[in-house]
Amino acid sequence: MKLARQYLLTGLLCAVSAACAPENHAPILETRNYNATFVCDGGQRVLAHFAPYKAVLEAQGASIDMAQQPAADGFLYAGGGQSLRGRGYEAMWTDDKGTVHHCRDAAVNPNADTKAR
């Protein structure tokens, strides 16, 4: 009976420790505020103010609050029927009408016109 109790206790401890183990995600090493200007299709400019777990997008005369969403790679923010998805210096902004705009960070090439690619 004592041996069975030891096995039960050992099994329970293993199960608890496995359930409490951290998931295999890359650690967030830095959180900071960041402002970016994106040049989109035809030279249209979109401003993004990034903060930990959220962003404010300024486009077409409106200011849209967005929440960070899970992304397999890069970043994804969504809110107000719009989204901003990107990786590196490239981004795709989907406006409230569902139109997808291909964009590039203006800090890399401020005169970029994404249609010229």
Protein backbone atom coordinates (compact mmCIF):
# COMPACT_ATOMS: atom_id res chain seq x y z
CA MET A 1 0.00 0.00 0.00
CA LYS A 2 2.84 2.38 0.88
CA LEU A 3 4.53 1.69 -2.50
CA ALA A 4 1.30 2.43 -4.39
CA ARG A 5 0.97 5.75 -2.54
CA GLN A 6 4.56 6.66 -3.54
CA TYR A 7 3.83 5.90 -7.20
CA LEU A 8 0.64 7.94 -7.05
CA LEU A 9 2.43 10.87 -5.44
CA THR A 10 5.31 10.66 -7.95
CA GLY A 11 2.86 10.54 -10.87
CA LEU A 12 0.90 13.48 -9.50
CA LEU A 13 4.06 15.58 -9.05
CA CYS A 14 5.17 14.80 -12.61
CA ALA A 15 1.78 15.78 -14.01
CA VAL A 16 1.70 19.04 -12.05
CA SER A 17 5.24 19.99 -13.05
CA ALA A 18 4.52 19.27 -16.73
CA ALA A 19 1.34 21.37 -16.62
CA CYS A 20 3.16 24.27 -14.99
CA ALA A 21 6.17 24.18 -17.32
CA PRO A 22 6.49 27.27 -19.52
CA GLU A 23 5.47 26.94 -23.16
CA ASN A 24 8.21 26.80 -25.74
CA HIS A 25 7.93 30.45 -26.91
CA ALA A 26 10.84 32.74 -27.55
CA PRO A 27 11.16 35.15 -24.64
CA ILE A 28 10.29 38.79 -25.14
CA LEU A 29 13.61 40.48 -24.61
CA GLU A 30 12.49 44.06 -25.03
CA THR A 31 9.29 46.06 -24.95
CA ARG A 32 9.32 49.67 -26.02
CA ASN A 33 7.36 52.34 -27.76
CA TYR A 34 8.14 52.79 -31.44
CA ASN A 35 6.76 55.09 -34.12
CA ALA A 36 6.87 54.12 -37.77
CA THR A 37 5.79 55.72 -41.01
CA PHE A 38 4.88 53.32 -43.78
CA VAL A 39 4.71 54.29 -47.45
CA CYS A 40 1.99 52.23 -49.11
CA ASP A 41 0.67 51.67 -52.63
CA GLY A 42 0.81 54.83 -54.71
CA GLY A 43 2.73 56.78 -52.07
CA GLN A 44 0.00 56.82 -49.40
CA ARG A 45 1.49 57.24 -45.90
CA VAL A 46 0.32 55.43 -42.78
CA LEU A 47 1.62 56.19 -39.28
CA ALA A 48 1.83 53.50 -36.61
CA HIS A 49 2.52 54.17 -32.94
CA PHE A 50 3.54 50.86 -31.36
CA ALA A 51 3.47 50.23 -27.60
CA PRO A 52 3.64 46.93 -25.74
CA TYR A 53 0.71 44.75 -26.92
CA LYS A 54 -1.06 47.54 -28.84
CA ALA A 55 -0.71 50.05 -31.65
CA VAL A 56 -2.48 53.15 -32.89
CA LEU A 57 -2.76 53.43 -36.66
CA GLU A 58 -3.27 56.81 -38.30
CA ALA A 59 -4.55 56.47 -41.83
CA GLN A 60 -7.04 58.21 -44.11
CA GLY A 61 -7.67 60.92 -41.51
CA ALA A 62 -8.65 58.46 -38.77
CA SER A 63 -6.93 57.09 -35.68
CA ILE A 64 -7.54 53.40 -35.01
CA ASP A 65 -6.68 51.54 -31.78
CA MET A 66 -5.35 48.06 -32.49
CA ALA A 67 -4.48 45.14 -30.24
CA GLN A 68 -1.53 42.84 -30.84
CA GLN A 69 -2.59 39.45 -32.22
CA PRO A 70 -0.74 36.13 -32.29
CA ALA A 71 1.49 35.88 -35.37
CA ALA A 72 3.63 32.97 -36.52
CA ASP A 73 6.29 35.39 -37.73
CA GLY A 74 6.61 39.17 -37.64
CA PHE A 75 3.81 41.26 -36.16
CA LEU A 76 0.03 41.51 -36.40
CA TYR A 77 -2.27 44.16 -34.96
CA ALA A 78 -6.02 44.40 -35.51
CA GLY A 79 -8.87 46.67 -34.48
CA GLY A 80 -11.64 48.83 -35.87
CA GLY A 81 -12.12 46.47 -38.82
CA GLN A 82 -8.52 47.00 -39.94
CA SER A 83 -5.24 45.14 -39.56
CA LEU A 84 -1.52 45.76 -39.91
CA ARG A 85 0.66 42.71 -40.54
CA GLY A 86 4.36 42.83 -41.22
CA ARG A 87 7.81 41.40 -41.00
CA GLY A 88 11.01 43.40 -41.11
CA TYR A 89 10.49 46.54 -43.18
CA GLU A 90 7.50 45.22 -45.15
CA ALA A 91 3.88 45.48 -44.03
CA MET A 92 0.37 44.87 -45.32
CA TRP A 93 -2.38 47.16 -44.12
CA THR A 94 -5.97 46.06 -44.62
CA ASP A 95 -8.30 49.05 -44.39
CA ASP A 96 -11.89 49.04 -43.14
CA LYS A 97 -13.18 48.32 -46.68
CA GLY A 98 -11.05 45.18 -46.92
CA THR A 99 -8.55 46.68 -49.36
CA VAL A 100 -5.02 45.37 -48.87
CA HIS A 101 -2.23 47.94 -49.19
CA HIS A 102 1.40 46.81 -49.55
CA CYS A 103 3.67 49.07 -47.50
CA ARG A 104 7.32 49.61 -46.64
CA ASP A 105 8.87 51.39 -43.65
CA ALA A 106 9.74 54.93 -44.82
CA ALA A 107 12.90 54.92 -42.70
CA VAL A 108 14.38 52.45 -45.19
CA ASN A 109 13.38 54.34 -48.34
CA PRO A 110 11.26 57.47 -47.76
CA ASN A 111 10.55 57.84 -51.51
CA ALA A 112 9.42 54.26 -51.96
CA ASP A 113 6.38 53.58 -54.08
CA THR A 114 5.42 49.96 -53.49
CA LYS A 115 3.76 49.68 -56.95
CA ALA A 116 7.18 50.16 -58.56
CA ARG A 117 8.41 46.80 -57.20
